[in-house]
PDB file of N, CA and C in Angstrom:
ATOM      1  N   MET A   1     238.102  62.207 130.317  1.00  0.00           N
ATOM      2  CA  MET A   1     238.009  61.586 129.283  1.00  0.00           C
ATOM      3  C   MET A   1     236.248  62.173 128.871  1.00  0.00           C
ATOM      4  N   SER A   2     235.766  62.603 127.651  1.00  0.00           N
ATOM      5  CA  SER A   2     235.037  63.054 126.777  1.00  0.00           C
ATOM      6  C   SER A   2     233.847  61.850 126.147  1.00  0.00           C
ATOM      7  N   VAL A   3     232.843  62.534 126.457  1.00  0.00           N
ATOM      8  CA  VAL A   3     231.724  61.706 125.901  1.00  0.00           C
ATOM      9  C   VAL A   3     231.397  61.896 124.519  1.00  0.00           C
ATOM     10  N   GLN A   4     231.308  60.805 123.721  1.00  0.00           N
ATOM     11  CA  GLN A   4     231.537  61.576 121.804  1.00  0.00           C
ATOM     12  C   GLN A   4     229.772  61.303 121.845  1.00  0.00           C
ATOM     13  N   ARG A   5     229.602  62.131 121.194  1.00  0.00           N
ATOM     14  CA  ARG A   5     227.981  62.113 120.653  1.00  0.00           C
ATOM     15  C   ARG A   5     227.854  61.789 119.434  1.00  0.00           C
ATOM     16  N   LYS A   6     226.950  61.131 119.020  1.00  0.00           N
ATOM     17  CA  LYS A   6     226.898  60.767 117.517  1.00  0.00           C
ATOM     18  C   LYS A   6     225.513  62.034 116.966  1.00  0.00           C
ATOM     19  N   PRO A   7     226.493  61.821 115.651  1.00  0.00           N
ATOM     20  CA  PRO A   7     226.131  63.373 114.868  1.00  0.00           C
ATOM     21  C   PRO A   7     224.558  63.012 114.467  1.00  0.00           C
ATOM     22  N   ARG A   8     224.027  64.568 114.591  1.00  0.00           N
ATOM     23  CA  ARG A   8     222.705  64.463 114.314  1.00  0.00           C
ATOM     24  C   ARG A   8     222.433  63.887 113.031  1.00  0.00           C
ATOM     25  N   SER A   9     221.309  63.292 112.500  1.00  0.00           N
ATOM     26  CA  SER A   9     221.182  62.829 110.968  1.00  0.00           C
ATOM     27  C   SER A   9     220.276  64.334 110.744  1.00  0.00           C
ATOM     28  N   PRO A  10     220.703  64.530 109.581  1.00  0.00           N
ATOM     29  CA  PRO A  10     219.800  65.399 108.761  1.00  0.00           C
ATOM     30  C   PRO A  10     218.652  65.077 107.965  1.00  0.00           C
ATOM     31  N   LEU A  11     218.663  63.589 108.286  1.00  0.00           N
ATOM     32  CA  LEU A  11     217.402  63.218 107.522  1.00  0.00           C
ATOM     33  C   LEU A  11     216.640  63.175 108.629  1.00  0.00           C
ATOM     34  N   ARG A  12     216.671  62.802 109.958  1.00  0.00           N
ATOM     35  CA  ARG A  12     215.593  62.972 111.264  1.00  0.00           C
ATOM     36  C   ARG A  12     215.346  64.544 111.763  1.00  0.00           C
ATOM     37  N   GLY A  13     216.411  65.501 111.624  1.00  0.00           N
ATOM     38  CA  GLY A  13     216.270  66.881 112.030  1.00  0.00           C
ATOM     39  C   GLY A  13     215.314  67.415 111.052  1.00  0.00           C
ATOM     40  N   GLY A  14     215.233  66.950 109.748  1.00  0.00           N
ATOM     41  CA  GLY A  14     214.267  67.580 108.924  1.00  0.00           C
ATOM     42  C   GLY A  14     212.757  67.383 108.796  1.00  0.00           C
ATOM     43  N   VAL A  15     212.725  66.076 109.018  1.00  0.00           N
ATOM     44  CA  VAL A  15     211.874  65.219 109.545  1.00  0.00           C
ATOM     45  C   VAL A  15     210.849  65.673 110.869  1.00  0.00           C
ATOM     46  N   LEU A  16     211.895  65.983 111.526  1.00  0.00           N
ATOM     47  CA  LEU A  16     210.886  66.486 112.898  1.00  0.00           C
ATOM     48  C   LEU A  16     210.953  68.132 112.606  1.00  0.00           C
ATOM     49  N   ASN A  17     211.520  69.191 111.952  1.00  0.00           N
ATOM     50  CA  ASN A  17     210.868  70.028 111.337  1.00  0.00           C
ATOM     51  C   ASN A  17     210.072  70.264 110.880  1.00  0.00           C
ATOM     52  N   GLY A  18     209.614  69.090 109.973  1.00  0.00           N
ATOM     53  CA  GLY A  18     208.680  69.221 108.839  1.00  0.00           C
ATOM     54  C   GLY A  18     207.415  68.994 109.828  1.00  0.00           C
ATOM     55  N   ILE A  19     207.502  68.294 110.577  1.00  0.00           N
ATOM     56  CA  ILE A  19     206.224  67.736 111.262  1.00  0.00           C
ATOM     57  C   ILE A  19     205.716  69.116 112.478  1.00  0.00           C
ATOM     58  N   SER A  20     207.138  69.463 112.891  1.00  0.00           N
ATOM     59  CA  SER A  20     207.148  70.325 113.845  1.00  0.00           C
ATOM     60  C   SER A  20     206.227  71.417 113.232  1.00  0.00           C
ATOM     61  N   ALA A  21     206.793  72.096 111.971  1.00  0.00           N
ATOM     62  CA  ALA A  21     205.574  73.319 111.381  1.00  0.00           C
ATOM     63  C   ALA A  21     204.725  72.988 111.076  1.00  0.00           C
ATOM     64  N   PHE A  22     204.236  71.584 110.501  1.00  0.00           N
ATOM     65  CA  PHE A  22     203.111  71.264 109.855  1.00  0.00           C
ATOM     66  C   PHE A  22     201.668  71.439 111.180  1.00  0.00           C
ATOM     67  N   LEU A  23     202.223  70.930 112.297  1.00  0.00           N
ATOM     68  CA  LEU A  23     201.257  70.942 113.050  1.00  0.00           C
ATOM     69  C   LEU A  23     201.160  72.128 114.014  1.00  0.00           C
ATOM     70  N   THR A  24     201.979  73.193 114.023  1.00  0.00           N
ATOM     71  CA  THR A  24     202.337  74.591 114.498  1.00  0.00           C
ATOM     72  C   THR A  24     201.489  75.348 113.387  1.00  0.00           C
ATOM     73  N   ASN A  25     201.680  75.324 112.408  1.00  0.00           N
ATOM     74  CA  ASN A  25     201.301  76.432 111.624  1.00  0.00           C
ATOM     75  C   ASN A  25     200.394  75.871 110.749  1.00  0.00           C
ATOM     76  N   THR A  26     199.472  76.168 110.603  1.00  0.00           N
ATOM     77  CA  THR A  26     197.852  75.775 109.625  1.00  0.00           C
ATOM     78  C   THR A  26     197.889  76.950 108.508  1.00  0.00           C
ATOM     79  N   PRO A  27     198.201  76.648 107.466  1.00  0.00           N
ATOM     80  CA  PRO A  27     197.789  77.647 106.180  1.00  0.00           C
ATOM     81  C   PRO A  27     196.504  77.732 106.112  1.00  0.00           C
ATOM     82  N   ALA A  28     195.937  79.203 106.051  1.00  0.00           N
ATOM     83  CA  ALA A  28     194.800  79.333 105.503  1.00  0.00           C
ATOM     84  C   ALA A  28     194.489  78.459 104.168  1.00  0.00           C
ATOM     85  N   LEU A  29     193.030  78.010 104.022  1.00  0.00           N
ATOM     86  CA  LEU A  29     192.751  77.081 103.274  1.00  0.00           C
ATOM     87  C   LEU A  29     192.137  78.343 102.042  1.00  0.00           C
ATOM     88  N   SER A  30     191.327  79.664 102.458  1.00  0.00           N
ATOM     89  CA  SER A  30     191.227  80.329 101.050  1.00  0.00           C
ATOM     90  C   SER A  30     192.614  80.601 100.120  1.00  0.00           C
ATOM     91  N   THR A  31     193.479  80.526 100.468  1.00  0.00           N
ATOM     92  CA  THR A  31     194.679  81.248 100.198  1.00  0.00           C
ATOM     93  C   THR A  31     195.044  80.360  99.345  1.00  0.00           C
ATOM     94  N   ASN A  32     194.964  78.770  99.677  1.00  0.00           N
ATOM     95  CA  ASN A  32     195.156  77.253  98.680  1.00  0.00           C
ATOM     96  C   ASN A  32     194.295  77.438  97.224  1.00  0.00           C
ATOM     97  N   SER A  33     195.242  77.885  96.503  1.00  0.00           N
ATOM     98  CA  SER A  33     194.023  77.796  95.071  1.00  0.00           C
ATOM     99  C   SER A  33     193.243  76.809  95.108  1.00  0.00           C
ATOM    100  N   VAL A  34     194.166  75.377  94.876  1.00  0.00           N
ATOM    101  CA  VAL A  34     193.209  74.361  94.478  1.00  0.00           C
ATOM    102  C   VAL A  34     191.841  73.867  95.581  1.00  0.00           C
ATOM    103  N   VAL A  35     191.975  74.027  96.576  1.00  0.00           N
ATOM    104  CA  VAL A  35     191.492  73.677  97.941  1.00  0.00           C
ATOM    105  C   VAL A  35     190.022  74.926  97.473  1.00  0.00           C
ATOM    106  N   PHE A  36     190.657  76.158  97.088  1.00  0.00           N
ATOM    107  CA  PHE A  36     189.797  77.340  96.719  1.00  0.00           C
ATOM    108  C   PHE A  36     188.848  77.072  95.612  1.00  0.00           C
ATOM    109  N   ASN A  37     189.726  76.572  94.607  1.00  0.00           N
ATOM    110  CA  ASN A  37     189.117  76.582  93.411  1.00  0.00           C
ATOM    111  C   ASN A  37     187.403  74.982  93.515  1.00  0.00           C
ATOM    112  N   PHE A  38     188.262  74.063  94.064  1.00  0.00           N
ATOM    113  CA  PHE A  38     187.245  73.007  94.475  1.00  0.00           C
ATOM    114  C   PHE A  38     186.080  73.675  95.328  1.00  0.00           C
ATOM    115  N   TRP A  39     186.526  74.312  96.208  1.00  0.00           N
ATOM    116  CA  TRP A  39     185.365  75.230  96.946  1.00  0.00           C
ATOM    117  C   TRP A  39     184.153  75.744  96.221  1.00  0.00           C
ATOM    118  N   LEU A  40     184.896  76.463  95.195  1.00  0.00           N
ATOM    119  CA  LEU A  40     183.956  76.776  94.367  1.00  0.00           C
ATOM    120  C   LEU A  40     183.076  76.192  93.398  1.00  0.00           C
ATOM    121  N   VAL A  41     183.861  75.294  93.145  1.00  0.00           N
ATOM    122  CA  VAL A  41     182.986  73.786  92.072  1.00  0.00           C
ATOM    123  C   VAL A  41     181.778  73.328  93.148  1.00  0.00           C
ATOM    124  N   MET A  42     182.338  73.087  94.577  1.00  0.00           N
ATOM    125  CA  MET A  42     181.402  72.806  95.370  1.00  0.00           C
ATOM    126  C   MET A  42     180.189  73.576  95.933  1.00  0.00           C
ATOM    127  N   MET A  43     180.141  75.035  95.877  1.00  0.00           N
ATOM    128  CA  MET A  43     179.375  76.275  96.204  1.00  0.00           C
ATOM    129  C   MET A  43     178.349  76.038  94.802  1.00  0.00           C
ATOM    130  N   GLY A  44     178.975  75.729  93.584  1.00  0.00           N
ATOM    131  CA  GLY A  44     178.089  76.121  92.511  1.00  0.00           C
ATOM    132  C   GLY A  44     177.213  74.734  92.465  1.00  0.00           C
ATOM    133  N   ILE A  45     177.576  73.392  92.947  1.00  0.00           N
ATOM    134  CA  ILE A  45     176.713  72.417  92.697  1.00  0.00           C
ATOM    135  C   ILE A  45     176.157  72.965  94.082  1.00  0.00           C
ATOM    136  N   THR A  46     175.991  72.750  95.016  1.00  0.00           N
ATOM    137  CA  THR A  46     175.453  73.346  96.226  1.00  0.00           C
ATOM    138  C   THR A  46     173.955  74.422  96.021  1.00  0.00           C
ATOM    139  N   ASN A  47     174.445  75.251  95.203  1.00  0.00           N
ATOM    140  CA  ASN A  47     173.401  76.947  94.695  1.00  0.00           C
ATOM    141  C   ASN A  47     173.077  76.147  93.588  1.00  0.00           C
ATOM    142  N   SER A  48     173.119  75.202  92.702  1.00  0.00           N
ATOM    143  CA  SER A  48     171.945  75.288  91.979  1.00  0.00           C
ATOM    144  C   SER A  48     171.030  73.897  92.566  1.00  0.00           C
ATOM    145  N   LEU A  49     171.367  73.349  93.656  1.00  0.00           N
ATOM    146  CA  LEU A  49     170.834  72.466  94.777  1.00  0.00           C
ATOM    147  C   LEU A  49     169.677  72.644  95.261  1.00  0.00           C
ATOM    148  N   PHE A  50     170.013  74.217  95.810  1.00  0.00           N
ATOM    149  CA  PHE A  50     169.333  75.049  96.528  1.00  0.00           C
ATOM    150  C   PHE A  50     168.036  75.727  95.787  1.00  0.00           C
ATOM    151  N   ALA A  51     168.337  76.133  94.607  1.00  0.00           N
ATOM    152  CA  ALA A  51     167.676  76.477  93.599  1.00  0.00           C
ATOM    153  C   ALA A  51     166.223  75.416  93.185  1.00  0.00           C
ATOM    154  N   ILE A  52     167.084  74.216  92.970  1.00  0.00           N
ATOM    155  CA  ILE A  52     166.185  73.074  92.728  1.00  0.00           C
ATOM    156  C   ILE A  52     164.972  72.963  93.776  1.00  0.00           C
ATOM    157  N   VAL A  53     165.743  72.880  95.405  1.00  0.00           N
ATOM    158  CA  VAL A  53     164.683  72.510  96.384  1.00  0.00           C
ATOM    159  C   VAL A  53     164.004  73.809  96.550  1.00  0.00           C
ATOM    160  N   ILE A  54     164.222  75.236  96.235  1.00  0.00           N
ATOM    161  CA  ILE A  54     163.250  76.088  96.541  1.00  0.00           C
ATOM    162  C   ILE A  54     162.117  75.966  95.311  1.00  0.00           C
ATOM    163  N   ALA A  55     162.079  75.477  94.066  1.00  0.00           N
ATOM    164  CA  ALA A  55     161.662  75.621  93.048  1.00  0.00           C
ATOM    165  C   ALA A  55     160.559  74.453  93.461  1.00  0.00           C
ATOM    166  N   LEU A  56     161.318  73.234  94.308  1.00  0.00           N
ATOM    167  CA  LEU A  56     160.042  71.788  94.371  1.00  0.00           C
ATOM    168  C   LEU A  56     159.505  72.310  95.554  1.00  0.00           C
ATOM    169  N   LEU A  57     160.192  73.439  96.464  1.00  0.00           N
ATOM    170  CA  LEU A  57     158.994  73.753  97.517  1.00  0.00           C
ATOM    171  C   LEU A  57     158.055  74.673  97.024  1.00  0.00           C
ATOM    172  N   GLY A  58     158.426  75.453  96.233  1.00  0.00           N
ATOM    173  CA  GLY A  58     156.912  76.566  95.591  1.00  0.00           C
ATOM    174  C   GLY A  58     155.953  75.844  95.097  1.00  0.00           C
ATOM    175  N   PHE A  59     156.044  74.596  94.400  1.00  0.00           N
ATOM    176  CA  PHE A  59     155.304  73.504  93.901  1.00  0.00           C
ATOM    177  C   PHE A  59     154.813  73.138  94.704  1.00  0.00           C
ATOM    178  N   GLN A  60     155.471  72.734  95.943  1.00  0.00           N
ATOM    179  CA  GLN A  60     154.673  71.837  96.795  1.00  0.00           C
ATOM    180  C   GLN A  60     153.505  72.577  97.702  1.00  0.00           C
ATOM    181  N   VAL A  61     154.472  74.089  97.599  1.00  0.00           N
ATOM    182  CA  VAL A  61     153.165  75.007  98.521  1.00  0.00           C
ATOM    183  C   VAL A  61     151.957  75.516  97.611  1.00  0.00           C
ATOM    184  N   MET A  62     152.554  75.712  96.625  1.00  0.00           N
ATOM    185  CA  MET A  62     151.332  76.202  95.429  1.00  0.00           C
ATOM    186  C   MET A  62     150.231  74.943  95.492  1.00  0.00           C
ATOM    187  N   SER A  63     150.424  73.460  95.334  1.00  0.00           N
ATOM    188  CA  SER A  63     149.668  72.503  94.748  1.00  0.00           C
ATOM    189  C   SER A  63     148.910  72.117  96.529  1.00  0.00           C
ATOM    190  N   ALA A  64     149.563  72.412  97.456  1.00  0.00           N
ATOM    191  CA  ALA A  64     148.816  71.856  99.096  1.00  0.00           C
ATOM    192  C   ALA A  64     147.922  72.557  99.392  1.00  0.00           C
ATOM    193  N   SER A  65     147.446  73.920  98.948  1.00  0.00           N
ATOM    194  CA  SER A  65     145.778  74.230  99.126  1.00  0.00           C
ATOM    195  C   SER A  65     144.918  73.042  98.164  1.00  0.00           C
ATOM    196  N   THR A  66     145.632  72.791  97.015  1.00  0.00           N
ATOM    197  CA  THR A  66     144.886  72.022  95.850  1.00  0.00           C
ATOM    198  C   THR A  66     144.608  70.268  96.080  1.00  0.00           C
ATOM    199  N   PHE A  67     145.566  69.865  97.220  1.00  0.00           N
ATOM    200  CA  PHE A  67     145.571  68.083  97.493  1.00  0.00           C
ATOM    201  C   PHE A  67     144.789  68.513  98.865  1.00  0.00           C
ATOM    202  N   GLY A  68     145.170  69.636  99.611  1.00  0.00           N
ATOM    203  CA  GLY A  68     144.566  69.778 100.961  1.00  0.00           C
ATOM    204  C   GLY A  68     145.439  69.451 101.983  1.00  0.00           C
ATOM    205  N   PHE A  69     146.805  69.725 101.818  1.00  0.00           N
ATOM    206  CA  PHE A  69     147.921  69.350 102.369  1.00  0.00           C
ATOM    207  C   PHE A  69     148.159  71.194 103.201  1.00  0.00           C
ATOM    208  N   GLU A  70     148.273  71.363 104.149  1.00  0.00           N
ATOM    209  CA  GLU A  70     148.305  73.056 104.575  1.00  0.00           C
ATOM    210  C   GLU A  70     149.882  73.227 106.055  1.00  0.00           C
ATOM    211  N   GLU A  71     149.867  71.361 106.271  1.00  0.00           N
ATOM    212  CA  GLU A  71     150.968  72.011 107.188  1.00  0.00           C
ATOM    213  C   GLU A  71     152.444  72.502 106.587  1.00  0.00           C
ATOM    214  N   LEU A  72     153.152  72.717 105.682  1.00  0.00           N
ATOM    215  CA  LEU A  72     154.200  73.743 105.163  1.00  0.00           C
ATOM    216  C   LEU A  72     153.641  74.773 104.571  1.00  0.00           C
ATOM    217  N   THR A  73     154.485  75.709 105.343  1.00  0.00           N
ATOM    218  CA  THR A  73     154.223  77.259 104.583  1.00  0.00           C
ATOM    219  C   THR A  73     155.552  77.346 104.621  1.00  0.00           C
ATOM    220  N   LEU A  74     155.656  78.663 103.210  1.00  0.00           N
ATOM    221  CA  LEU A  74     157.011  78.690 102.638  1.00  0.00           C
ATOM    222  C   LEU A  74     157.544  79.903 103.626  1.00  0.00           C
ATOM    223  N   LYS A  75     156.823  80.286 104.764  1.00  0.00           N
ATOM    224  CA  LYS A  75     157.197  81.380 105.726  1.00  0.00           C
ATOM    225  C   LYS A  75     158.021  80.692 106.836  1.00  0.00           C
ATOM    226  N   GLU A  76     157.819  79.591 106.982  1.00  0.00           N
ATOM    227  CA  GLU A  76     158.282  78.749 107.958  1.00  0.00           C
ATOM    228  C   GLU A  76     159.738  78.390 107.251  1.00  0.00           C
ATOM    229  N   ILE A  77     159.465  77.635 106.087  1.00  0.00           N
ATOM    230  CA  ILE A  77     160.724  77.377 105.477  1.00  0.00           C
ATOM    231  C   ILE A  77     161.880  78.003 105.468  1.00  0.00           C
ATOM    232  N   LEU A  78     161.476  79.315 104.447  1.00  0.00           N
ATOM    233  CA  LEU A  78     162.562  80.080 103.586  1.00  0.00           C
ATOM    234  C   LEU A  78     163.170  80.585 104.439  1.00  0.00           C
ATOM    235  N   PRO A  79     163.148  80.998 106.178  1.00  0.00           N
ATOM    236  CA  PRO A  79     164.663  81.369 106.504  1.00  0.00           C
ATOM    237  C   PRO A  79     165.586  79.954 107.114  1.00  0.00           C
ATOM    238  N   ARG A  80     164.721  78.904 107.643  1.00  0.00           N
ATOM    239  CA  ARG A  80     166.325  78.204 107.218  1.00  0.00           C
ATOM    240  C   ARG A  80     166.677  77.589 105.516  1.00  0.00           C
ATOM    241  N   ILE A  81     166.201  78.062 104.972  1.00  0.00           N
ATOM    242  CA  ILE A  81     166.793  77.513 103.901  1.00  0.00           C
ATOM    243  C   ILE A  81     167.783  78.910 103.108  1.00  0.00           C
ATOM    244  N   GLY A  82     167.442  80.297 103.873  1.00  0.00           N
ATOM    245  CA  GLY A  82     168.008  81.291 103.798  1.00  0.00           C
ATOM    246  C   GLY A  82     169.307  81.087 104.621  1.00  0.00           C
ATOM    247  N   LEU A  83     169.132  81.079 105.803  1.00  0.00           N
ATOM    248  CA  LEU A  83     170.271  80.658 106.792  1.00  0.00           C
ATOM    249  C   LEU A  83     171.632  79.255 106.407  1.00  0.00           C
ATOM    250  N   ALA A  84     170.599  78.254 105.781  1.00  0.00           N
ATOM    251  CA  ALA A  84     171.562  77.234 105.050  1.00  0.00           C
ATOM    252  C   ALA A  84     172.680  77.712 104.016  1.00  0.00           C
ATOM    253  N   PHE A  85     172.112  78.336 103.304  1.00  0.00           N
ATOM    254  CA  PHE A  85     173.048  78.790 101.839  1.00  0.00           C
ATOM    255  C   PHE A  85     173.724  79.827 102.479  1.00  0.00           C
ATOM    256  N   LEU A  86     173.439  80.774 103.387  1.00  0.00           N
ATOM    257  CA  LEU A  86     174.431  81.329 103.895  1.00  0.00           C
ATOM    258  C   LEU A  86     175.903  80.917 104.685  1.00  0.00           C
ATOM    259  N   LEU A  87     175.352  79.854 105.398  1.00  0.00           N
ATOM    260  CA  LEU A  87     176.543  79.291 105.878  1.00  0.00           C
ATOM    261  C   LEU A  87     177.192  78.733 104.988  1.00  0.00           C
ATOM    262  N   ALA A  88     176.684  77.974 104.212  1.00  0.00           N
ATOM    263  CA  ALA A  88     177.282  77.124 103.513  1.00  0.00           C
ATOM    264  C   ALA A  88     178.218  78.145 102.489  1.00  0.00           C
ATOM    265  N   ASN A  89     178.257  79.186 101.905  1.00  0.00           N
ATOM    266  CA  ASN A  89     178.417  80.110 101.016  1.00  0.00           C
ATOM    267  C   ASN A  89     179.508  80.595 101.720  1.00  0.00           C
ATOM    268  N   THR A  90     179.389  80.627 103.094  1.00  0.00           N
ATOM    269  CA  THR A  90     180.824  81.514 103.846  1.00  0.00           C
ATOM    270  C   THR A  90     181.413  80.492 104.343  1.00  0.00           C
ATOM    271  N   SER A  91     181.138  79.590 104.128  1.00  0.00           N
ATOM    272  CA  SER A  91     181.838  78.592 105.252  1.00  0.00           C
ATOM    273  C   SER A  91     183.182  78.278 104.951  1.00  0.00           C
ATOM    274  N   ILE A  92     184.148  78.281 103.839  1.00  0.00           N
ATOM    275  CA  ILE A  92     185.865  78.572 103.598  1.00  0.00           C
ATOM    276  C   ILE A  92     186.416  79.402 104.485  1.00  0.00           C
ATOM    277  N   PHE A  93     185.364  80.742 104.567  1.00  0.00           N
ATOM    278  CA  PHE A  93     185.800  81.784 105.872  1.00  0.00           C
ATOM    279  C   PHE A  93     185.935  81.248 106.877  1.00  0.00           C
ATOM    280  N   LEU A  94     184.386  80.863 107.314  1.00  0.00           N
ATOM    281  CA  LEU A  94     184.331  80.692 108.822  1.00  0.00           C
ATOM    282  C   LEU A  94     185.399  79.759 109.333  1.00  0.00           C
ATOM    283  N   ILE A  95     185.925  78.633 108.409  1.00  0.00           N
ATOM    284  CA  ILE A  95     187.237  77.508 108.927  1.00  0.00           C
ATOM    285  C   ILE A  95     188.347  78.518 108.965  1.00  0.00           C
ATOM    286  N   ASP A  96     188.617  79.488 107.909  1.00  0.00           N
ATOM    287  CA  ASP A  96     189.396  79.957 107.988  1.00  0.00           C
ATOM    288  C   ASP A  96     189.831  80.656 109.457  1.00  0.00           C
ATOM    289  N   GLY A  97     188.383  81.410 109.611  1.00  0.00           N
ATOM    290  CA  GLY A  97     188.223  82.000 111.161  1.00  0.00           C
ATOM    291  C   GLY A  97     189.306  81.302 112.670  1.00  0.00           C
ATOM    292  N   LEU A  98     188.174  80.261 112.236  1.00  0.00           N
ATOM    293  CA  LEU A  98     188.507  79.209 113.133  1.00  0.00           C
ATOM    294  C   LEU A  98     189.765  78.494 113.300  1.00  0.00           C
TER     295      LEU A  98
END
């Protein structure tokens, strides 16, 4: 006597294959045009905010000696701003690398 198996549902097989493909294959974010365009918009906003912060820091450094504040120097702040700028502008490629 043979045991009859229930036929496998094509829906269940498709869902399991889809979940398996989603969990094992992560697409690169830089190749997805929607994600890349959104990242470009966010980088434009971030870069404009960097420019505003650098301008405000420049005014603060220039006026610091006038008002007697000499605790903040541009030499200390500029490398940190440069590193943050570099990391923000290469973030999508760093994420793809991970």
